[in-house]
Protein backbone atom coordinates (compact mmCIF):
# COMPACT_ATOMS: atom_id res chain seq x y z
CA UNK A 1 42.89 133.30 10.06
CA UNK A 2 39.58 131.55 8.69
CA UNK A 3 39.13 131.26 5.23
CA UNK A 4 36.78 133.09 2.94
CA UNK A 5 35.20 129.95 1.36
CA UNK A 6 31.85 130.13 0.65
CA UNK A 7 30.95 134.17 0.60
CA UNK A 8 30.42 134.21 -3.18
CA UNK A 9 28.58 130.59 -3.50
CA UNK A 10 26.16 130.47 -0.61
CA UNK A 11 23.68 133.15 -1.16
CA UNK A 12 22.83 132.62 3.01
CA UNK A 13 26.83 132.52 3.94
CA UNK A 14 26.88 135.77 2.32
CA UNK A 15 23.80 137.41 4.02
CA UNK A 16 25.19 136.47 7.29
CA UNK A 17 28.15 137.64 7.04
CA UNK A 18 27.11 140.78 5.93
CA UNK A 19 24.41 141.05 8.47
CA UNK A 20 27.16 140.39 11.08
CA UNK A 21 29.17 142.74 9.95
CA UNK A 22 26.35 145.18 10.11
CA UNK A 23 25.70 144.38 14.12
CA UNK A 24 29.32 145.06 14.87
CA UNK A 25 29.46 148.37 13.29
CA UNK A 26 26.41 148.79 15.43
CA UNK A 27 27.50 148.21 18.21
CA UNK A 28 30.84 149.58 18.15
CA UNK A 29 29.00 153.21 16.85
CA UNK A 30 26.72 153.11 19.83
CA UNK A 31 29.65 152.15 22.24
CA UNK A 32 31.80 155.49 20.12
CA UNK A 33 34.51 153.12 19.26
CA UNK A 34 36.46 153.46 16.06
CA UNK A 35 37.26 150.46 14.42
CA UNK A 36 40.88 151.20 15.11
CA UNK A 37 39.91 151.43 19.00
CA UNK A 38 37.78 148.52 18.41
CA UNK A 39 40.84 146.33 16.54
CA UNK A 40 43.35 147.18 19.55
CA UNK A 41 40.78 146.40 21.86
CA UNK A 42 39.87 143.26 20.52
CA UNK A 43 43.71 142.35 19.68
CA UNK A 44 42.82 141.96 15.54
CA UNK A 45 44.40 143.25 12.69
CA UNK A 46 42.78 146.63 11.48
CA UNK A 47 42.14 145.20 7.73
CA UNK A 48 39.98 141.94 9.82
CA UNK A 49 37.85 144.56 10.97
CA UNK A 50 36.97 146.17 8.41
CA UNK A 51 36.68 143.49 6.49
CA UNK A 52 34.50 141.45 8.83
CA UNK A 53 32.26 145.24 9.18
CA UNK A 54 32.14 144.40 5.24
CA UNK A 55 31.00 141.11 5.12
CA UNK A 56 33.94 140.16 3.34
CA UNK A 57 35.55 137.91 6.22
CA UNK A 58 34.42 134.79 8.08
CA UNK A 59 35.62 135.15 11.65
CA UNK A 60 36.24 131.98 13.68
CA UNK A 61 34.72 131.29 17.25
CA UNK A 62 37.11 132.84 19.53
CA UNK A 63 37.44 136.34 17.08
CA UNK A 64 33.73 137.08 17.92
CA UNK A 65 34.41 135.80 21.47
CA UNK A 66 36.94 138.69 21.35
CA UNK A 67 35.09 141.02 19.48
CA UNK A 68 31.82 140.19 22.08
CA UNK A 69 33.87 141.13 25.18
CA UNK A 70 36.25 144.04 24.05
CA UNK A 71 32.27 145.62 23.09
CA UNK A 72 31.04 144.56 25.74
CA UNK A 73 28.40 143.31 24.85
CA UNK A 74 26.29 139.68 24.51
CA UNK A 75 27.21 137.20 21.17
CA UNK A 76 23.19 138.02 20.93
CA UNK A 77 23.93 141.78 19.91
CA UNK A 78 26.27 140.71 17.75
CA UNK A 79 25.44 137.04 15.82
CA UNK A 80 22.74 137.45 12.62
CA UNK A 81 19.61 135.73 13.36
CA UNK A 82 18.78 133.97 10.09
CA UNK A 83 15.92 131.77 9.56
CA UNK A 84 15.89 128.11 8.39
CA UNK A 85 16.45 127.43 4.93
CA UNK A 86 13.27 125.73 4.60
CA UNK A 87 12.82 121.70 2.66
CA UNK A 88 11.10 122.01 -0.80
């Protein structure tokens, strides 16, 4: 599992993680799946999914792929669209 580094120090990363969690929850509820069912289908620990939906977990690419497959959606449906930071 991925480390949780950077979530508090970096507001962009923190917001990205929160948006990712909201997107996963939105698609999961649209598909009428419980957290337990999605965790089982994606071969994740329930607590991992709970932390991800809360924006408290930095997932590996393989975790995102398993979630995408289990939800039957595209990566665009769950990955946040965050603007690039502008140079000062």
